[in-house]
Amino acid sequence: MKDELMRIGFILILTFCSVLFAQELDGKKVFETYCWGCHHQKAEAFGPSFKEIASKRTLEEIQAYIIEPKAMYKAFGYKRSAMPQLNITDKERDSIAKYIYSYKGSK
């Protein structure tokens, strides 16, 4: 009986962990959905590469720019911003910002 309860508890824990991890958004998938047309990870495209962005900005600055690019471009010293206002959730914004920031210091 005790072994059976342990087994059921273990299965419940695995199930719970699987659900939690499944709810985490993959920054790369969000990038591929919203950003890839203008940005690439390490190469210049229409917009700057994630490597370049991460080398110049904090995580908070990246998040702020994603939220309101038209309001932030002057504060960042840009002459203009072609980046559109994205209609994304807070989780999507956070996951893409972390994904961009993960390129800080990359070669």
Protein backbone atom coordinates (compact mmCIF):
# COMPACT_ATOMS: atom_id res chain seq x y z
CA MET A 1 0.00 0.00 0.00
CA LYS A 2 2.79 2.43 0.93
CA ASP A 3 4.61 1.68 -2.35
CA GLU A 4 1.42 2.30 -4.30
CA LEU A 5 0.93 5.70 -2.62
CA MET A 6 4.57 6.61 -3.34
CA ARG A 7 4.13 5.66 -6.98
CA ILE A 8 0.93 7.73 -7.30
CA GLY A 9 2.63 10.69 -5.60
CA PHE A 10 5.58 10.43 -7.98
CA ILE A 11 3.27 10.35 -11.01
CA LEU A 12 1.35 13.39 -9.73
CA ILE A 13 4.59 15.33 -9.23
CA LEU A 14 5.78 14.46 -12.74
CA THR A 15 2.43 15.49 -14.20
CA PHE A 16 2.46 18.79 -12.30
CA CYS A 17 6.03 19.57 -13.44
CA SER A 18 5.14 18.75 -17.05
CA VAL A 19 2.21 21.16 -16.92
CA LEU A 20 4.38 23.90 -15.44
CA PHE A 21 7.10 23.51 -18.06
CA ALA A 22 4.54 23.36 -20.86
CA GLN A 23 3.22 26.76 -19.78
CA GLU A 24 6.66 28.36 -20.15
CA LEU A 25 6.91 30.17 -23.44
CA ASP A 26 9.82 29.48 -25.72
CA GLY A 27 11.46 32.80 -26.62
CA LYS A 28 12.76 31.36 -29.87
CA LYS A 29 9.24 30.42 -30.99
CA VAL A 30 7.96 33.91 -30.11
CA PHE A 31 10.90 35.37 -32.06
CA GLU A 32 10.07 33.23 -35.07
CA THR A 33 6.45 34.36 -34.92
CA TYR A 34 6.88 38.11 -34.44
CA CYS A 35 10.48 39.21 -35.01
CA TRP A 36 12.24 37.10 -37.60
CA GLY A 37 11.08 39.17 -40.56
CA CYS A 38 13.18 42.13 -39.40
CA HIS A 39 15.70 40.74 -36.88
CA HIS A 40 18.11 37.85 -36.87
CA GLN A 41 19.99 36.47 -33.91
CA LYS A 42 23.55 37.36 -34.88
CA ALA A 43 23.37 39.02 -38.31
CA GLU A 44 22.14 42.42 -39.34
CA ALA A 45 18.79 42.34 -41.16
CA PHE A 46 16.25 45.14 -41.56
CA GLY A 47 16.61 45.75 -37.82
CA PRO A 48 19.62 45.23 -35.56
CA SER A 49 20.65 41.73 -34.57
CA PHE A 50 19.77 40.38 -31.14
CA LYS A 51 23.49 40.20 -30.41
CA GLU A 52 23.80 43.94 -31.04
CA ILE A 53 20.67 44.79 -29.05
CA ALA A 54 21.76 42.66 -26.08
CA SER A 55 25.23 44.21 -26.07
CA LYS A 56 23.78 47.72 -25.68
CA ARG A 57 20.65 47.28 -23.54
CA THR A 58 19.52 45.92 -20.20
CA LEU A 59 16.72 43.38 -20.01
CA GLU A 60 14.39 46.10 -18.74
CA GLU A 61 15.25 48.40 -21.67
CA ILE A 62 14.57 45.59 -24.13
CA GLN A 63 11.19 44.97 -22.51
CA ALA A 64 10.35 48.69 -22.58
CA TYR A 65 11.20 48.95 -26.28
CA ILE A 66 9.04 45.94 -27.10
CA ILE A 67 6.13 47.46 -25.17
CA GLU A 68 6.29 50.91 -26.82
CA PRO A 69 8.84 51.24 -29.61
CA LYS A 70 7.48 54.59 -30.81
CA ALA A 71 7.87 56.08 -27.32
CA MET A 72 11.34 54.64 -26.68
CA TYR A 73 13.32 55.15 -29.88
CA LYS A 74 14.38 58.73 -29.09
CA ALA A 75 15.45 57.75 -25.57
CA PHE A 76 17.71 55.12 -27.15
CA GLY A 77 19.25 57.65 -29.54
CA TYR A 78 17.61 56.41 -32.75
CA LYS A 79 16.44 58.82 -35.46
CA ARG A 80 13.37 56.75 -36.22
CA SER A 81 11.70 53.45 -35.41
CA ALA A 82 10.27 51.12 -38.00
CA MET A 83 9.32 48.58 -35.34
CA PRO A 84 5.55 48.16 -35.09
CA GLN A 85 3.60 48.05 -31.86
CA LEU A 86 3.24 44.32 -31.18
CA ASN A 87 0.00 42.92 -29.87
CA ILE A 88 1.54 40.30 -27.57
CA THR A 89 0.93 39.09 -24.03
CA ASP A 90 3.17 39.96 -21.09
CA LYS A 91 4.45 36.37 -21.09
CA GLU A 92 5.34 36.60 -24.79
CA ARG A 93 7.08 39.93 -24.20
CA ASP A 94 9.06 38.57 -21.29
CA SER A 95 10.08 35.42 -23.15
CA ILE A 96 11.25 37.31 -26.26
CA ALA A 97 13.10 39.88 -24.13
CA LYS A 98 14.91 37.09 -22.27
CA TYR A 99 15.67 35.38 -25.56
CA ILE A 100 17.15 38.60 -27.00
CA TYR A 101 19.09 39.23 -23.80
CA SER A 102 20.53 35.70 -23.90
CA TYR A 103 22.70 36.92 -26.80
CA LYS A 104 24.59 39.34 -24.54
CA GLY A 105 28.27 38.51 -24.85
CA SER A 106 27.74 35.93 -27.61
CA LYS A 107 30.31 35.60 -30.34
